[in-house]
Amino acid sequence: MWFKHLHLYRVHSAPELSQEALSEALEAHAAVPLGNADARRLGWTAPAGRLGNGQRLHEIQGHRLFSALRQERLLPASVVKEDVDEQVASIEASEGRKVTRKEKTALKEQVTEELLPRAFIRSQKIDVWWDTRRQLIGVSASSRTRAEDILDLLRESLGTLNVTPLASQTLPMFCVPGKLIWIAMKSSNSSRVAAKPVNSPSTSKAV
């Protein structure tokens, strides 16, 4: 499991859950295939897939690893709009009247329902790390919003979960040792000197 974008959270008053109890909670909210009328769905899946024998939870010395599966149908708004515009033009031409905004909204909903089952499905696995000793949860998501969605799913699975984003009072640049900063500055200055153009010596005029 490799965390590319990790969002950290502090767990407050964490419920004491055994590995078996957490596994059962994840199993109760396991990911299932999207239905024809579903635009998106979120559920728990096996982090290692078939290699992990389908287990939805792996735990080593208080470190728990599990994953969520996000599925959503890709239905571009432009495709829906094009179909709606065609139907609106057909109605206005045949009935000789303007289609109202309410009718357009109803047509949009109808077109979406018709096209949604044929839309492509995009699946994304989002990994979660839970350090039960330090009471930290890390979500490997591309954005804070996606991470919050996973926490909502975990909260729904457990019944309760109180977390706050982990923040640092010191900027990372001030945590870097002074020696490393000096090396970086020296390297930067050396690069500037090397990149500076060297003027060719001027040729003397013949007398």
Protein backbone atom coordinates (compact mmCIF):
# COMPACT_ATOMS: atom_id res chain seq x y z
CA MET A 1 0.00 0.00 0.00
CA TRP A 2 1.51 3.32 -1.12
CA PHE A 3 0.15 6.67 0.07
CA LYS A 4 0.56 9.36 -2.58
CA HIS A 5 -1.75 12.02 -1.11
CA LEU A 6 -2.22 11.49 2.62
CA HIS A 7 -4.72 13.46 4.70
CA LEU A 8 -4.15 13.00 8.43
CA TYR A 9 -6.79 13.21 11.16
CA ARG A 10 -6.67 13.00 14.94
CA VAL A 11 -9.17 10.55 16.45
CA HIS A 12 -10.94 11.69 19.63
CA SER A 13 -12.63 9.28 22.04
CA ALA A 14 -12.08 6.43 19.64
CA PRO A 15 -14.34 3.43 20.18
CA GLU A 16 -12.49 0.32 21.28
CA LEU A 17 -12.93 -2.11 18.43
CA SER A 18 -11.31 -5.49 18.05
CA GLN A 19 -10.04 -6.57 14.67
CA GLU A 20 -13.00 -8.91 14.31
CA ALA A 21 -15.53 -6.19 15.19
CA LEU A 22 -14.05 -3.75 12.68
CA SER A 23 -13.96 -6.43 10.00
CA GLU A 24 -17.65 -7.12 10.55
CA ALA A 25 -18.46 -3.39 10.38
CA LEU A 26 -16.59 -3.07 7.07
CA GLU A 27 -18.26 -6.20 5.73
CA ALA A 28 -21.69 -4.76 6.52
CA HIS A 29 -20.92 -1.79 4.28
CA ALA A 30 -19.01 -3.64 1.58
CA ALA A 31 -18.85 -2.28 -1.95
CA VAL A 32 -21.45 -3.69 -4.36
CA PRO A 33 -21.79 -3.17 -8.12
CA LEU A 34 -23.62 -0.06 -9.27
CA GLY A 35 -27.25 -0.47 -10.18
CA ASN A 36 -28.66 0.92 -13.41
CA ALA A 37 -30.14 3.93 -11.60
CA ASP A 38 -27.08 4.62 -9.41
CA ALA A 39 -24.87 7.57 -10.34
CA ARG A 40 -22.23 6.75 -7.71
CA ARG A 41 -21.63 4.43 -4.78
CA LEU A 42 -19.08 4.03 -2.01
CA GLY A 43 -18.23 0.90 -0.02
CA TRP A 44 -15.39 -1.09 1.51
CA THR A 45 -13.23 -3.42 -0.57
CA ALA A 46 -10.22 -5.70 -0.07
CA PRO A 47 -6.98 -3.64 0.01
CA ALA A 48 -4.88 -6.41 -1.57
CA GLY A 49 -7.62 -7.84 -3.76
CA ARG A 50 -7.28 -11.55 -4.46
CA LEU A 51 -3.73 -11.54 -3.11
CA GLY A 52 -5.13 -10.87 0.36
CA ASN A 53 -7.77 -13.61 0.11
CA GLY A 54 -10.48 -10.97 -0.06
CA GLN A 55 -9.83 -9.67 3.47
CA ARG A 56 -11.13 -6.14 4.00
CA LEU A 57 -8.88 -5.45 6.98
CA HIS A 58 -5.19 -6.06 7.65
CA GLU A 59 -3.69 -5.27 11.07
CA ILE A 60 -0.07 -5.32 12.24
CA GLN A 61 0.93 -4.08 15.73
CA GLY A 62 -1.98 -1.66 16.04
CA HIS A 63 -1.74 -0.41 12.45
CA ARG A 64 -4.93 -1.12 10.54
CA LEU A 65 -5.10 -0.96 6.76
CA PHE A 66 -8.34 -1.06 4.76
CA SER A 67 -9.70 0.42 1.54
CA ALA A 68 -12.83 1.98 0.10
CA LEU A 69 -14.06 1.60 -3.45
CA ARG A 70 -15.63 4.64 -5.10
CA GLN A 71 -17.70 3.95 -8.22
CA GLU A 72 -19.37 6.56 -10.39
CA ARG A 73 -20.93 6.67 -13.82
CA LEU A 74 -19.41 9.11 -16.29
CA LEU A 75 -22.23 10.96 -18.02
CA PRO A 76 -20.98 14.26 -19.49
CA ALA A 77 -23.36 17.17 -19.05
CA SER A 78 -22.79 18.12 -22.69
CA VAL A 79 -24.27 14.80 -23.83
CA VAL A 80 -27.39 15.32 -21.72
CA LYS A 81 -27.74 18.92 -22.92
CA GLU A 82 -27.48 17.90 -26.57
CA ASP A 83 -30.24 15.32 -26.22
CA VAL A 84 -32.48 17.74 -24.29
CA ASP A 85 -31.97 20.50 -26.88
CA GLU A 86 -33.01 18.11 -29.65
CA GLN A 87 -36.20 17.15 -27.84
CA VAL A 88 -37.00 20.79 -27.03
CA ALA A 89 -36.55 21.78 -30.68
CA SER A 90 -38.78 18.89 -31.80
CA ILE A 91 -41.56 19.86 -29.37
CA GLU A 92 -41.43 23.55 -30.30
CA ALA A 93 -41.53 22.73 -34.03
CA SER A 94 -44.42 20.25 -33.78
CA GLU A 95 -46.56 22.16 -31.24
CA GLY A 96 -45.64 25.72 -32.26
CA ARG A 97 -44.91 26.92 -28.74
CA LYS A 98 -42.03 27.58 -26.38
CA VAL A 99 -41.03 24.87 -23.94
CA THR A 100 -41.17 26.11 -20.37
CA ARG A 101 -38.28 25.89 -17.89
CA LYS A 102 -40.21 23.33 -15.83
CA GLU A 103 -40.61 21.13 -18.89
CA LYS A 104 -36.90 21.41 -19.70
CA THR A 105 -36.03 20.32 -16.17
CA ALA A 106 -38.33 17.31 -16.50
CA LEU A 107 -36.78 16.44 -19.87
CA LYS A 108 -33.28 16.68 -18.37
CA GLU A 109 -34.21 14.26 -15.59
CA GLN A 110 -35.79 11.88 -18.09
CA VAL A 111 -32.76 11.94 -20.40
CA THR A 112 -30.39 11.40 -17.48
CA GLU A 113 -32.37 8.35 -16.33
CA GLU A 114 -32.30 6.92 -19.85
CA LEU A 115 -28.60 7.48 -20.50
CA LEU A 116 -27.24 6.67 -17.02
CA PRO A 117 -27.39 2.84 -17.34
CA ARG A 118 -25.29 3.06 -20.53
CA ALA A 119 -22.63 5.37 -19.09
CA PHE A 120 -19.11 4.15 -18.40
CA ILE A 121 -18.18 3.34 -14.80
CA ARG A 122 -15.02 4.73 -13.20
CA SER A 123 -13.73 2.93 -10.12
CA GLN A 124 -11.19 4.31 -7.65
CA LYS A 125 -9.68 2.56 -4.64
CA ILE A 126 -8.92 4.81 -1.67
CA ASP A 127 -6.66 3.41 1.06
CA VAL A 128 -7.03 4.14 4.77
CA TRP A 129 -4.43 3.75 7.54
CA TRP A 130 -5.49 3.75 11.20
CA ASP A 131 -2.84 3.95 13.91
CA THR A 132 -4.79 2.80 16.96
CA ARG A 133 -1.91 3.56 19.35
CA ARG A 134 -1.36 7.18 18.35
CA GLN A 135 -5.03 7.63 17.41
CA LEU A 136 -4.32 8.82 13.88
CA ILE A 137 -6.20 8.12 10.67
CA GLY A 138 -4.66 8.73 7.26
CA VAL A 139 -6.72 8.77 4.07
CA SER A 140 -4.94 8.52 0.73
CA ALA A 141 -7.27 10.72 -1.32
CA SER A 142 -6.70 13.25 -4.07
CA SER A 143 -8.60 15.99 -2.20
CA ARG A 144 -9.87 16.87 1.25
CA THR A 145 -13.44 16.43 0.02
CA ARG A 146 -12.78 12.85 -1.08
CA ALA A 147 -11.11 12.13 2.27
CA GLU A 148 -14.15 13.48 4.12
CA ASP A 149 -16.39 11.19 2.06
CA ILE A 150 -14.37 8.19 3.25
CA LEU A 151 -14.59 9.36 6.86
CA ASP A 152 -18.36 9.70 6.48
CA LEU A 153 -18.49 6.10 5.28
CA LEU A 154 -16.34 4.99 8.21
CA ARG A 155 -18.53 6.95 10.61
CA GLU A 156 -21.61 5.29 9.16
CA SER A 157 -19.97 1.87 9.45
CA LEU A 158 -18.93 2.34 13.09
CA GLY A 159 -21.93 4.32 14.24
CA THR A 160 -19.73 7.14 15.58
CA LEU A 161 -16.36 8.69 14.78
CA ASN A 162 -14.98 11.98 16.08
CA VAL A 163 -11.95 13.26 14.13
CA THR A 164 -10.29 16.58 13.36
CA PRO A 165 -7.76 17.38 10.62
CA LEU A 166 -4.19 17.21 11.85
CA ALA A 167 -2.42 20.56 11.49
CA SER A 168 1.10 21.75 12.27
CA GLN A 169 1.86 25.01 14.06
CA THR A 170 5.28 25.18 12.39
CA LEU A 171 5.77 25.48 8.64
CA PRO A 172 7.76 22.59 7.11
CA MET A 173 10.47 24.97 5.83
CA PHE A 174 11.31 25.92 9.43
CA CYS A 175 11.67 22.27 10.43
CA VAL A 176 14.47 21.63 7.94
CA PRO A 177 17.92 21.52 9.58
CA GLY A 178 20.10 24.58 8.93
CA LYS A 179 22.79 22.47 7.24
CA LEU A 180 20.34 21.29 4.58
CA ILE A 181 19.17 24.85 3.94
CA TRP A 182 22.81 25.98 3.53
CA ILE A 183 23.48 23.16 1.04
CA ALA A 184 20.34 24.04 -0.94
CA MET A 185 21.28 27.73 -1.09
CA LYS A 186 24.84 26.91 -2.12
CA SER A 187 23.62 24.56 -4.84
CA SER A 188 21.22 27.22 -6.12
CA ASN A 189 23.98 29.87 -6.24
CA SER A 190 26.35 27.48 -8.04
CA SER A 191 23.69 26.83 -10.67
CA ARG A 192 23.28 30.54 -11.29
CA VAL A 193 27.02 31.03 -11.75
CA ALA A 194 27.22 28.11 -14.14
CA ALA A 195 24.30 29.41 -16.16
CA LYS A 196 25.80 32.91 -16.47
CA PRO A 197 27.00 33.49 -20.08
CA VAL A 198 30.73 33.97 -20.52
CA ASN A 199 31.71 36.92 -22.68
CA SER A 200 34.24 36.05 -25.40
CA PRO A 201 37.43 38.14 -25.36
CA SER A 202 37.31 41.12 -27.69
CA THR A 203 39.58 40.97 -30.69
CA SER A 204 42.10 43.77 -31.10
CA LYS A 205 41.85 45.96 -34.13
CA ALA A 206 44.64 45.78 -36.68
CA VAL A 207 46.73 48.90 -36.83
